[in-house]
Amino acid sequence: MQILLVSLLAWFIAQSSKFIYYYLLYKKVNFRTFYASGGMPSAHSAFISSICMQIGLIDGFQSTSFALAAGIAGIVIYDAINVRRAVGLQGQTINLLLSY
């Protein structure tokens, strides 16, 4: 249960930092930034990285469970990076189309 709570805390910190950044940048409170997906830092990556590290510290970094967690973390982080890149390219293309 402690692993889940610490991982949720990592998710919460990542999401909170987006909320605080938006507030400092625009001087407006926008609760959508707290629960919306996307953006940096990645709450999904923070959550899975936290689980992976805790498994390594508890079960050992040579354990099968850590290997599985590291593999899943790698997939989640890789996917998060590529989805953000693709969305950025799509946004540029849409902005280009709208400028005509």
N, C-alpha and C. Protein backbone atom coordinates (compact mmCIF):
# COMPACT_ATOMS: atom_id res chain seq x y z
N MET A 1 0.82 -1.20 0.00
CA MET A 1 0.00 0.00 0.00
C MET A 1 0.86 1.26 0.00
N GLN A 2 2.00 1.21 0.71
CA GLN A 2 2.89 2.37 0.76
C GLN A 2 3.44 2.71 -0.62
N ILE A 3 3.73 1.69 -1.43
CA ILE A 3 4.24 1.94 -2.78
C ILE A 3 3.22 2.74 -3.58
N LEU A 4 1.97 2.37 -3.48
CA LEU A 4 0.93 3.08 -4.20
C LEU A 4 0.80 4.52 -3.72
N LEU A 5 0.85 4.74 -2.42
CA LEU A 5 0.71 6.09 -1.87
C LEU A 5 1.87 6.99 -2.31
N VAL A 6 3.08 6.46 -2.28
CA VAL A 6 4.24 7.26 -2.69
C VAL A 6 4.16 7.56 -4.18
N SER A 7 3.70 6.60 -4.97
CA SER A 7 3.56 6.82 -6.41
C SER A 7 2.47 7.83 -6.72
N LEU A 8 1.38 7.78 -5.98
CA LEU A 8 0.33 8.79 -6.14
C LEU A 8 0.83 10.17 -5.74
N LEU A 9 1.70 10.23 -4.75
CA LEU A 9 2.30 11.49 -4.36
C LEU A 9 3.17 12.05 -5.50
N ALA A 10 3.92 11.18 -6.17
CA ALA A 10 4.73 11.61 -7.31
C ALA A 10 3.82 12.15 -8.42
N TRP A 11 2.71 11.46 -8.67
CA TRP A 11 1.74 11.94 -9.67
C TRP A 11 1.19 13.30 -9.26
N PHE A 12 0.82 13.44 -7.99
CA PHE A 12 0.25 14.68 -7.48
C PHE A 12 1.23 15.85 -7.61
N ILE A 13 2.50 15.60 -7.30
CA ILE A 13 3.52 16.65 -7.41
C ILE A 13 3.69 17.08 -8.86
N ALA A 14 3.71 16.12 -9.78
CA ALA A 14 3.86 16.45 -11.20
C ALA A 14 2.66 17.28 -11.68
N GLN A 15 1.45 16.86 -11.33
CA GLN A 15 0.27 17.61 -11.75
C GLN A 15 0.20 18.98 -11.08
N SER A 16 0.58 19.05 -9.82
CA SER A 16 0.56 20.32 -9.10
C SER A 16 1.55 21.31 -9.70
N SER A 17 2.69 20.82 -10.15
CA SER A 17 3.68 21.73 -10.75
C SER A 17 3.14 22.36 -12.03
N LYS A 18 2.32 21.63 -12.79
CA LYS A 18 1.68 22.21 -13.99
C LYS A 18 0.71 23.31 -13.58
N PHE A 19 -0.06 23.04 -12.53
CA PHE A 19 -1.03 24.02 -12.02
C PHE A 19 -0.32 25.29 -11.56
N ILE A 20 0.74 25.13 -10.80
CA ILE A 20 1.49 26.28 -10.27
C ILE A 20 2.16 27.05 -11.40
N TYR A 21 2.74 26.35 -12.36
CA TYR A 21 3.40 27.00 -13.50
C TYR A 21 2.39 27.84 -14.28
N TYR A 22 1.22 27.28 -14.54
CA TYR A 22 0.18 28.02 -15.27
C TYR A 22 -0.21 29.29 -14.50
N TYR A 23 -0.37 29.14 -13.21
CA TYR A 23 -0.75 30.30 -12.40
C TYR A 23 0.34 31.38 -12.44
N LEU A 24 1.58 31.00 -12.30
CA LEU A 24 2.68 31.97 -12.32
C LEU A 24 2.82 32.63 -13.69
N LEU A 25 2.54 31.89 -14.74
CA LEU A 25 2.69 32.40 -16.10
C LEU A 25 1.54 33.34 -16.48
N TYR A 26 0.31 32.95 -16.16
CA TYR A 26 -0.86 33.71 -16.62
C TYR A 26 -1.59 34.46 -15.50
N LYS A 27 -1.18 34.28 -14.26
CA LYS A 27 -1.81 34.92 -13.10
C LYS A 27 -3.31 34.60 -13.02
N LYS A 28 -3.67 33.40 -13.47
CA LYS A 28 -5.05 32.94 -13.39
C LYS A 28 -5.05 31.52 -12.86
N VAL A 29 -6.09 31.20 -12.09
CA VAL A 29 -6.26 29.83 -11.58
C VAL A 29 -6.99 29.03 -12.65
N ASN A 30 -6.40 27.92 -13.04
CA ASN A 30 -7.02 27.04 -14.03
C ASN A 30 -6.95 25.61 -13.50
N PHE A 31 -8.05 25.14 -12.92
CA PHE A 31 -8.06 23.80 -12.33
C PHE A 31 -7.92 22.70 -13.38
N ARG A 32 -8.22 23.03 -14.63
CA ARG A 32 -8.09 22.04 -15.69
C ARG A 32 -6.63 21.56 -15.82
N THR A 33 -5.68 22.44 -15.56
CA THR A 33 -4.27 22.05 -15.67
C THR A 33 -3.90 21.01 -14.62
N PHE A 34 -4.69 20.94 -13.55
CA PHE A 34 -4.38 19.96 -12.51
C PHE A 34 -4.78 18.54 -12.91
N TYR A 35 -5.91 18.40 -13.55
CA TYR A 35 -6.37 17.05 -13.88
C TYR A 35 -6.22 16.67 -15.35
N ALA A 36 -5.84 17.61 -16.19
CA ALA A 36 -5.69 17.31 -17.62
C ALA A 36 -4.43 16.49 -17.87
N SER A 37 -4.50 15.62 -18.86
CA SER A 37 -3.31 14.86 -19.23
C SER A 37 -2.48 15.66 -20.22
N GLY A 38 -1.25 15.24 -20.39
CA GLY A 38 -0.36 15.92 -21.32
C GLY A 38 0.47 16.98 -20.61
N GLY A 39 1.40 17.52 -21.33
CA GLY A 39 2.27 18.55 -20.79
C GLY A 39 3.43 17.95 -19.99
N MET A 40 4.30 18.84 -19.58
CA MET A 40 5.45 18.42 -18.80
C MET A 40 5.36 19.07 -17.42
N PRO A 41 5.74 18.39 -16.38
CA PRO A 41 6.25 17.02 -16.38
C PRO A 41 5.12 16.01 -16.57
N SER A 42 5.48 14.86 -17.07
CA SER A 42 4.51 13.82 -17.32
C SER A 42 4.15 13.12 -16.00
N ALA A 43 2.88 13.23 -15.63
CA ALA A 43 2.43 12.59 -14.40
C ALA A 43 2.46 11.08 -14.54
N HIS A 44 2.16 10.58 -15.75
CA HIS A 44 2.22 9.14 -15.98
C HIS A 44 3.64 8.62 -15.77
N SER A 45 4.60 9.35 -16.32
CA SER A 45 6.00 8.94 -16.18
C SER A 45 6.47 9.04 -14.73
N ALA A 46 6.03 10.08 -14.03
CA ALA A 46 6.40 10.22 -12.61
C ALA A 46 5.83 9.07 -11.80
N PHE A 47 4.59 8.70 -12.07
CA PHE A 47 3.93 7.61 -11.35
C PHE A 47 4.66 6.29 -11.57
N ILE A 48 4.92 5.94 -12.82
CA ILE A 48 5.52 4.63 -13.12
C ILE A 48 7.00 4.60 -12.72
N SER A 49 7.69 5.74 -12.83
CA SER A 49 9.09 5.79 -12.40
C SER A 49 9.20 5.59 -10.90
N SER A 50 8.26 6.16 -10.17
CA SER A 50 8.24 6.00 -8.72
C SER A 50 8.01 4.54 -8.33
N ILE A 51 7.07 3.90 -8.99
CA ILE A 51 6.82 2.48 -8.72
C ILE A 51 8.07 1.65 -9.03
N CYS A 52 8.68 1.91 -10.17
CA CYS A 52 9.87 1.16 -10.60
C CYS A 52 11.00 1.31 -9.57
N MET A 53 11.27 2.54 -9.15
CA MET A 53 12.35 2.78 -8.20
C MET A 53 12.06 2.11 -6.86
N GLN A 54 10.83 2.17 -6.40
CA GLN A 54 10.48 1.55 -5.12
C GLN A 54 10.62 0.03 -5.19
N ILE A 55 10.22 -0.56 -6.29
CA ILE A 55 10.39 -2.01 -6.45
C ILE A 55 11.87 -2.37 -6.43
N GLY A 56 12.69 -1.56 -7.10
CA GLY A 56 14.13 -1.80 -7.08
C GLY A 56 14.72 -1.70 -5.68
N LEU A 57 14.27 -0.71 -4.93
CA LEU A 57 14.80 -0.53 -3.57
C LEU A 57 14.31 -1.62 -2.61
N ILE A 58 13.09 -2.09 -2.80
CA ILE A 58 12.54 -3.10 -1.89
C ILE A 58 12.95 -4.51 -2.28
N ASP A 59 12.74 -4.87 -3.54
CA ASP A 59 13.01 -6.24 -3.99
C ASP A 59 14.43 -6.43 -4.52
N GLY A 60 15.11 -5.34 -4.80
CA GLY A 60 16.46 -5.42 -5.36
C GLY A 60 16.43 -5.14 -6.85
N PHE A 61 17.50 -4.53 -7.31
CA PHE A 61 17.57 -4.14 -8.71
C PHE A 61 17.91 -5.31 -9.63
N GLN A 62 18.16 -6.47 -9.06
CA GLN A 62 18.41 -7.68 -9.85
C GLN A 62 17.18 -8.59 -9.89
N SER A 63 16.08 -8.16 -9.28
CA SER A 63 14.90 -9.01 -9.18
C SER A 63 14.09 -9.01 -10.48
N THR A 64 13.31 -10.05 -10.61
CA THR A 64 12.43 -10.18 -11.77
C THR A 64 11.36 -9.09 -11.76
N SER A 65 10.84 -8.78 -10.58
CA SER A 65 9.80 -7.75 -10.50
C SER A 65 10.33 -6.38 -10.91
N PHE A 66 11.60 -6.08 -10.57
CA PHE A 66 12.18 -4.81 -11.01
C PHE A 66 12.37 -4.80 -12.52
N ALA A 67 12.80 -5.91 -13.08
CA ALA A 67 12.97 -5.99 -14.54
C ALA A 67 11.64 -5.73 -15.24
N LEU A 68 10.58 -6.32 -14.75
CA LEU A 68 9.26 -6.10 -15.32
C LEU A 68 8.83 -4.64 -15.17
N ALA A 69 9.03 -4.08 -13.99
CA ALA A 69 8.66 -2.68 -13.75
C ALA A 69 9.48 -1.74 -14.63
N ALA A 70 10.77 -2.03 -14.79
CA ALA A 70 11.62 -1.19 -15.63
C ALA A 70 11.18 -1.26 -17.09
N GLY A 71 10.80 -2.44 -17.54
CA GLY A 71 10.31 -2.58 -18.91
C GLY A 71 9.04 -1.78 -19.14
N ILE A 72 8.11 -1.89 -18.21
CA ILE A 72 6.86 -1.14 -18.32
C ILE A 72 7.14 0.36 -18.25
N ALA A 73 8.02 0.77 -17.35
CA ALA A 73 8.36 2.19 -17.23
C ALA A 73 8.97 2.70 -18.53
N GLY A 74 9.84 1.91 -19.12
CA GLY A 74 10.44 2.30 -20.40
C GLY A 74 9.40 2.51 -21.48
N ILE A 75 8.43 1.62 -21.54
CA ILE A 75 7.37 1.74 -22.55
C ILE A 75 6.52 2.99 -22.29
N VAL A 76 6.14 3.22 -21.04
CA VAL A 76 5.31 4.38 -20.70
C VAL A 76 6.05 5.69 -21.02
N ILE A 77 7.31 5.78 -20.63
CA ILE A 77 8.08 7.00 -20.86
C ILE A 77 8.32 7.21 -22.36
N TYR A 78 8.67 6.16 -23.07
CA TYR A 78 8.87 6.25 -24.53
C TYR A 78 7.59 6.71 -25.21
N ASP A 79 6.48 6.13 -24.81
CA ASP A 79 5.19 6.49 -25.39
C ASP A 79 4.84 7.94 -25.08
N ALA A 80 5.07 8.37 -23.84
CA ALA A 80 4.76 9.76 -23.46
C ALA A 80 5.58 10.74 -24.28
N ILE A 81 6.85 10.45 -24.49
CA ILE A 81 7.71 11.34 -25.28
C ILE A 81 7.23 11.42 -26.71
N ASN A 82 6.93 10.29 -27.31
CA ASN A 82 6.53 10.28 -28.72
C ASN A 82 5.14 10.86 -28.93
N VAL A 83 4.23 10.65 -28.00
CA VAL A 83 2.90 11.26 -28.14
C VAL A 83 3.02 12.77 -28.07
N ARG A 84 3.84 13.29 -27.15
CA ARG A 84 4.01 14.74 -27.04
C ARG A 84 4.65 15.30 -28.31
N ARG A 85 5.61 14.60 -28.86
CA ARG A 85 6.25 15.05 -30.11
C ARG A 85 5.24 15.08 -31.25
N ALA A 86 4.44 14.02 -31.37
CA ALA A 86 3.45 13.93 -32.44
C ALA A 86 2.39 15.02 -32.29
N VAL A 87 1.95 15.28 -31.08
CA VAL A 87 0.95 16.33 -30.85
C VAL A 87 1.54 17.70 -31.20
N GLY A 88 2.80 17.91 -30.87
CA GLY A 88 3.46 19.17 -31.23
C GLY A 88 3.53 19.37 -32.73
N LEU A 89 3.90 18.33 -33.45
CA LEU A 89 3.95 18.42 -34.93
C LEU A 89 2.56 18.65 -35.51
N GLN A 90 1.58 17.97 -34.96
CA GLN A 90 0.21 18.15 -35.42
C GLN A 90 -0.26 19.58 -35.16
N GLY A 91 0.09 20.13 -34.01
CA GLY A 91 -0.28 21.51 -33.68
C GLY A 91 0.35 22.50 -34.65
N GLN A 92 1.62 22.27 -35.00
CA GLN A 92 2.28 23.15 -35.97
C GLN A 92 1.59 23.10 -37.32
N THR A 93 1.21 21.90 -37.73
CA THR A 93 0.53 21.74 -39.02
C THR A 93 -0.84 22.40 -39.01
N ILE A 94 -1.57 22.24 -37.94
CA ILE A 94 -2.89 22.88 -37.84
C ILE A 94 -2.74 24.40 -37.85
N ASN A 95 -1.76 24.92 -37.12
CA ASN A 95 -1.54 26.38 -37.12
C ASN A 95 -1.17 26.87 -38.51
N LEU A 96 -0.38 26.10 -39.23
CA LEU A 96 -0.01 26.45 -40.60
C LEU A 96 -1.23 26.49 -41.51
N LEU A 97 -2.08 25.50 -41.38
CA LEU A 97 -3.31 25.44 -42.19
C LEU A 97 -4.24 26.61 -41.86
N LEU A 98 -4.33 26.96 -40.59
CA LEU A 98 -5.20 28.05 -40.19
C LEU A 98 -4.70 29.41 -40.63
N SER A 99 -3.41 29.52 -40.91
CA SER A 99 -2.84 30.81 -41.33
C SER A 99 -3.15 31.13 -42.78
N TYR A 100 -3.66 30.17 -43.55
CA TYR A 100 -3.97 30.41 -44.96
C TYR A 100 -5.33 31.02 -45.14
